[in-house]
C-alpha cells in the first residue's frame, strides 16, 4: 500500500527558457564593431548613427566608439506623437 495520496495532473507545469533581453551596453560605454547594444522584441529602441538592426530587432555597433542614447519624437500612423529611444555610436 502506498503511504502518499496519488498526485493529480497539472495544466501549468512548464516554463519557457529565459531570453536574456534588454540593454547590454549603456550610455557612455565603449563598444567595438559588432558588439550588441540592445536585445529586444520589436523596435522599442531605434538605430541611430553607426548602429545596425538585425532581423530580430537586435541593435549592434557598426563602428568602434562610445554608445550615446537620445530620444526622438515620431508621428505614429494614427496621428499620435510617440517618443522613441535612439542608440548612436559616436
N, C-alpha and C. Protein backbone atom coordinates (compact mmCIF):
# COMPACT_ATOMS: atom_id res chain seq x y z
N UNK A 1 0.83 -1.19 0.00
CA UNK A 1 0.00 0.00 0.00
C UNK A 1 0.87 1.25 0.00
N UNK A 2 0.40 2.25 -0.72
CA UNK A 2 1.18 3.49 -0.78
C UNK A 2 0.97 4.30 0.48
N UNK A 3 1.97 5.09 0.82
CA UNK A 3 1.90 5.92 2.02
C UNK A 3 1.57 7.37 1.69
N UNK A 4 1.46 7.69 0.39
CA UNK A 4 1.09 9.05 -0.02
C UNK A 4 -0.09 8.97 -0.97
N UNK A 5 -0.91 10.00 -0.90
CA UNK A 5 -2.05 10.05 -1.79
C UNK A 5 -1.56 10.32 -3.22
N UNK A 6 -2.20 9.72 -4.20
CA UNK A 6 -1.77 9.87 -5.59
C UNK A 6 -1.94 11.32 -6.04
N UNK A 7 -0.92 11.83 -6.74
CA UNK A 7 -0.97 13.22 -7.22
C UNK A 7 -1.75 13.29 -8.52
N UNK A 8 -2.48 14.38 -8.68
CA UNK A 8 -3.24 14.58 -9.90
C UNK A 8 -2.39 15.25 -10.96
N UNK A 9 -3.01 15.58 -12.08
CA UNK A 9 -2.28 16.25 -13.16
C UNK A 9 -2.35 17.76 -12.97
N UNK A 10 -1.43 18.46 -13.62
CA UNK A 10 -1.42 19.93 -13.57
C UNK A 10 -1.38 20.47 -14.99
N UNK A 11 -2.00 21.63 -15.19
CA UNK A 11 -2.03 22.22 -16.53
C UNK A 11 -0.93 23.24 -16.75
N UNK A 12 -0.32 23.74 -15.67
CA UNK A 12 0.69 24.80 -15.82
C UNK A 12 2.05 24.37 -15.28
N UNK A 13 2.44 23.14 -15.53
CA UNK A 13 3.71 22.63 -15.00
C UNK A 13 4.87 22.76 -15.96
N UNK A 14 4.96 23.87 -16.71
CA UNK A 14 6.07 24.05 -17.64
C UNK A 14 6.44 25.54 -17.67
N UNK A 15 7.65 25.82 -18.14
CA UNK A 15 8.14 27.18 -18.18
C UNK A 15 9.07 27.32 -19.39
N UNK A 16 9.11 28.50 -20.00
CA UNK A 16 9.98 28.71 -21.16
C UNK A 16 11.37 29.14 -20.69
N UNK A 17 12.34 28.92 -21.54
CA UNK A 17 13.71 29.30 -21.22
C UNK A 17 13.86 30.82 -21.23
N UNK A 18 14.78 31.38 -20.41
CA UNK A 18 14.97 32.83 -20.41
C UNK A 18 15.58 33.31 -21.73
N UNK A 19 15.17 34.50 -22.18
CA UNK A 19 15.62 35.01 -23.47
C UNK A 19 16.73 36.07 -23.35
N UNK A 20 17.02 36.54 -22.15
CA UNK A 20 18.13 37.47 -21.89
C UNK A 20 18.03 38.74 -22.72
N UNK A 21 16.84 39.37 -22.72
CA UNK A 21 16.63 40.60 -23.45
C UNK A 21 17.07 41.80 -22.61
N UNK A 22 17.18 42.96 -23.25
CA UNK A 22 17.48 44.19 -22.54
C UNK A 22 18.68 44.91 -23.10
N UNK A 23 19.06 46.00 -22.42
CA UNK A 23 20.19 46.82 -22.84
C UNK A 23 21.47 46.17 -22.36
N UNK A 24 22.39 45.92 -23.28
CA UNK A 24 23.67 45.28 -22.94
C UNK A 24 24.78 46.30 -22.74
N UNK A 25 24.74 47.42 -23.48
CA UNK A 25 25.72 48.49 -23.34
C UNK A 25 24.97 49.79 -23.06
N UNK A 26 25.24 50.41 -21.92
CA UNK A 26 24.51 51.61 -21.53
C UNK A 26 25.19 52.86 -22.10
N UNK A 27 24.60 54.00 -21.83
CA UNK A 27 25.07 55.29 -22.34
C UNK A 27 26.47 55.58 -21.82
N UNK A 28 27.39 55.91 -22.73
CA UNK A 28 28.75 56.25 -22.35
C UNK A 28 29.73 55.10 -22.35
N UNK A 29 29.26 53.87 -22.54
CA UNK A 29 30.17 52.72 -22.51
C UNK A 29 30.85 52.56 -23.87
N UNK A 30 32.08 52.03 -23.86
CA UNK A 30 32.88 51.86 -25.07
C UNK A 30 32.48 50.56 -25.75
N UNK A 31 32.35 50.60 -27.09
CA UNK A 31 31.96 49.41 -27.83
C UNK A 31 32.88 49.20 -29.02
N UNK A 32 32.96 47.96 -29.44
CA UNK A 32 33.72 47.59 -30.63
C UNK A 32 32.73 47.28 -31.76
N UNK A 33 33.25 47.15 -32.97
CA UNK A 33 32.41 46.83 -34.12
C UNK A 33 31.75 45.47 -33.92
N UNK A 34 30.44 45.41 -34.10
CA UNK A 34 29.70 44.17 -33.96
C UNK A 34 29.19 43.87 -32.57
N UNK A 35 29.56 44.66 -31.58
CA UNK A 35 29.09 44.38 -30.22
C UNK A 35 27.61 44.75 -30.08
N UNK A 36 26.89 43.93 -29.33
CA UNK A 36 25.44 44.09 -29.20
C UNK A 36 25.15 45.19 -28.18
N UNK A 37 24.28 46.12 -28.58
CA UNK A 37 23.88 47.22 -27.69
C UNK A 37 22.58 46.86 -26.98
N UNK A 38 21.61 46.33 -27.71
CA UNK A 38 20.30 46.00 -27.14
C UNK A 38 19.74 44.74 -27.78
N UNK A 39 19.19 43.85 -26.96
CA UNK A 39 18.37 42.73 -27.45
C UNK A 39 16.93 43.08 -27.09
N UNK A 40 16.03 43.03 -28.07
CA UNK A 40 14.66 43.48 -27.82
C UNK A 40 13.67 42.72 -28.69
N UNK A 41 12.40 42.78 -28.28
CA UNK A 41 11.30 42.25 -29.07
C UNK A 41 10.55 43.45 -29.64
N UNK A 42 10.65 43.65 -30.94
CA UNK A 42 10.06 44.84 -31.55
C UNK A 42 11.03 46.00 -31.46
N UNK A 43 10.73 47.08 -32.17
CA UNK A 43 11.65 48.21 -32.24
C UNK A 43 11.35 49.22 -31.13
N UNK A 44 11.57 48.83 -29.88
CA UNK A 44 11.43 49.76 -28.76
C UNK A 44 12.48 50.85 -28.85
N UNK A 45 13.70 50.46 -29.21
CA UNK A 45 14.80 51.39 -29.39
C UNK A 45 15.19 51.37 -30.86
N UNK A 46 15.44 52.53 -31.43
CA UNK A 46 15.74 52.64 -32.85
C UNK A 46 17.25 52.77 -33.08
N UNK A 47 17.76 52.34 -34.25
CA UNK A 47 19.18 52.53 -34.54
C UNK A 47 19.46 53.94 -35.02
N UNK A 48 20.57 54.51 -34.53
CA UNK A 48 20.98 55.85 -34.94
C UNK A 48 22.24 55.76 -35.78
N UNK A 49 23.15 56.72 -35.57
CA UNK A 49 24.40 56.79 -36.34
C UNK A 49 25.30 55.62 -35.96
N UNK A 50 25.82 54.92 -36.96
CA UNK A 50 26.76 53.81 -36.80
C UNK A 50 26.18 52.64 -36.01
N UNK A 51 24.86 52.47 -36.06
CA UNK A 51 24.20 51.36 -35.37
C UNK A 51 23.33 50.62 -36.39
N UNK A 52 23.41 49.29 -36.41
CA UNK A 52 22.59 48.48 -37.30
C UNK A 52 21.53 47.72 -36.52
N UNK A 53 20.51 47.24 -37.24
CA UNK A 53 19.44 46.47 -36.62
C UNK A 53 19.34 45.12 -37.31
N UNK A 54 19.36 44.05 -36.52
CA UNK A 54 19.24 42.70 -37.05
C UNK A 54 17.79 42.34 -37.30
N UNK A 55 17.56 41.15 -37.84
CA UNK A 55 16.20 40.75 -38.18
C UNK A 55 15.35 40.46 -36.94
N UNK A 56 15.99 40.21 -35.80
CA UNK A 56 15.24 40.04 -34.54
C UNK A 56 15.28 41.32 -33.71
N UNK A 57 15.49 42.48 -34.36
CA UNK A 57 15.49 43.81 -33.76
C UNK A 57 16.68 44.05 -32.82
N UNK A 58 17.72 43.23 -32.91
CA UNK A 58 18.92 43.45 -32.11
C UNK A 58 19.69 44.64 -32.66
N UNK A 59 20.07 45.57 -31.78
CA UNK A 59 20.89 46.70 -32.20
C UNK A 59 22.36 46.38 -31.95
N UNK A 60 23.21 46.64 -32.95
CA UNK A 60 24.64 46.35 -32.82
C UNK A 60 25.45 47.48 -33.42
N UNK A 61 26.70 47.60 -32.97
CA UNK A 61 27.58 48.69 -33.40
C UNK A 61 28.19 48.38 -34.75
N UNK A 62 28.21 49.37 -35.64
CA UNK A 62 28.84 49.23 -36.95
C UNK A 62 30.27 49.77 -36.96
N UNK A 63 30.65 50.55 -35.93
CA UNK A 63 31.99 51.10 -35.80
C UNK A 63 32.40 51.09 -34.34
N UNK A 64 33.70 51.22 -34.09
CA UNK A 64 34.19 51.39 -32.71
C UNK A 64 33.82 52.78 -32.21
N UNK A 65 33.59 52.90 -30.91
CA UNK A 65 33.29 54.21 -30.33
C UNK A 65 32.56 54.08 -29.01
N UNK A 66 31.90 55.17 -28.63
CA UNK A 66 31.13 55.22 -27.39
C UNK A 66 29.64 55.21 -27.71
N UNK A 67 28.87 54.55 -26.88
CA UNK A 67 27.42 54.49 -27.05
C UNK A 67 26.80 55.77 -26.51
N UNK A 68 25.91 56.36 -27.30
CA UNK A 68 25.19 57.55 -26.86
C UNK A 68 23.70 57.30 -27.08
N UNK A 69 22.91 57.50 -26.04
CA UNK A 69 21.45 57.33 -26.13
C UNK A 69 20.78 58.70 -26.23
N UNK A 70 19.77 58.78 -27.07
CA UNK A 70 18.98 60.00 -27.18
C UNK A 70 17.53 59.60 -27.41
N UNK A 71 16.67 60.58 -27.56
CA UNK A 71 15.26 60.29 -27.83
C UNK A 71 14.82 61.05 -29.07
N UNK A 72 13.77 60.54 -29.71
CA UNK A 72 13.28 61.10 -30.96
C UNK A 72 11.76 61.06 -30.94
N UNK A 73 11.13 62.15 -31.32
CA UNK A 73 9.67 62.19 -31.40
C UNK A 73 9.24 61.77 -32.79
N UNK A 74 8.33 60.81 -32.86
CA UNK A 74 7.83 60.32 -34.14
C UNK A 74 6.31 60.41 -34.16
N UNK A 75 5.76 60.68 -35.35
CA UNK A 75 4.31 60.69 -35.51
C UNK A 75 3.88 59.28 -35.91
N UNK A 76 3.01 58.69 -35.11
CA UNK A 76 2.53 57.34 -35.33
C UNK A 76 1.54 57.33 -36.49
N UNK A 77 1.17 56.16 -36.97
CA UNK A 77 0.29 56.06 -38.13
C UNK A 77 -1.11 56.61 -37.86
N UNK A 78 -1.52 56.64 -36.58
CA UNK A 78 -2.85 57.17 -36.27
C UNK A 78 -2.81 58.63 -35.82
N UNK A 79 -1.67 59.29 -36.03
CA UNK A 79 -1.56 60.71 -35.70
C UNK A 79 -1.00 61.00 -34.33
N UNK A 80 -0.83 59.99 -33.47
CA UNK A 80 -0.28 60.20 -32.14
C UNK A 80 1.23 60.45 -32.23
N UNK A 81 1.73 61.32 -31.38
CA UNK A 81 3.17 61.56 -31.31
C UNK A 81 3.73 60.70 -30.19
N UNK A 82 4.73 59.86 -30.54
CA UNK A 82 5.35 58.99 -29.54
C UNK A 82 6.83 59.32 -29.46
N UNK A 83 7.42 59.07 -28.31
CA UNK A 83 8.84 59.29 -28.10
C UNK A 83 9.55 57.96 -28.09
N UNK A 84 10.54 57.79 -28.98
CA UNK A 84 11.31 56.56 -29.06
C UNK A 84 12.75 56.85 -28.65
N UNK A 85 13.41 55.87 -28.04
CA UNK A 85 14.82 56.00 -27.72
C UNK A 85 15.64 55.63 -28.96
N UNK A 86 16.78 56.30 -29.13
CA UNK A 86 17.66 56.05 -30.27
C UNK A 86 19.07 55.80 -29.73
N UNK A 87 19.73 54.77 -30.26
CA UNK A 87 21.11 54.46 -29.85
C UNK A 87 22.05 54.86 -30.97
N UNK A 88 23.11 55.61 -30.63
CA UNK A 88 24.15 56.04 -31.56
C UNK A 88 25.48 55.51 -31.08
N UNK A 89 26.44 55.37 -32.02
CA UNK A 89 27.83 55.12 -31.66
C UNK A 89 28.63 56.29 -32.19
N UNK A 90 29.26 57.03 -31.27
CA UNK A 90 30.00 58.25 -31.61
C UNK A 90 31.49 57.99 -31.54
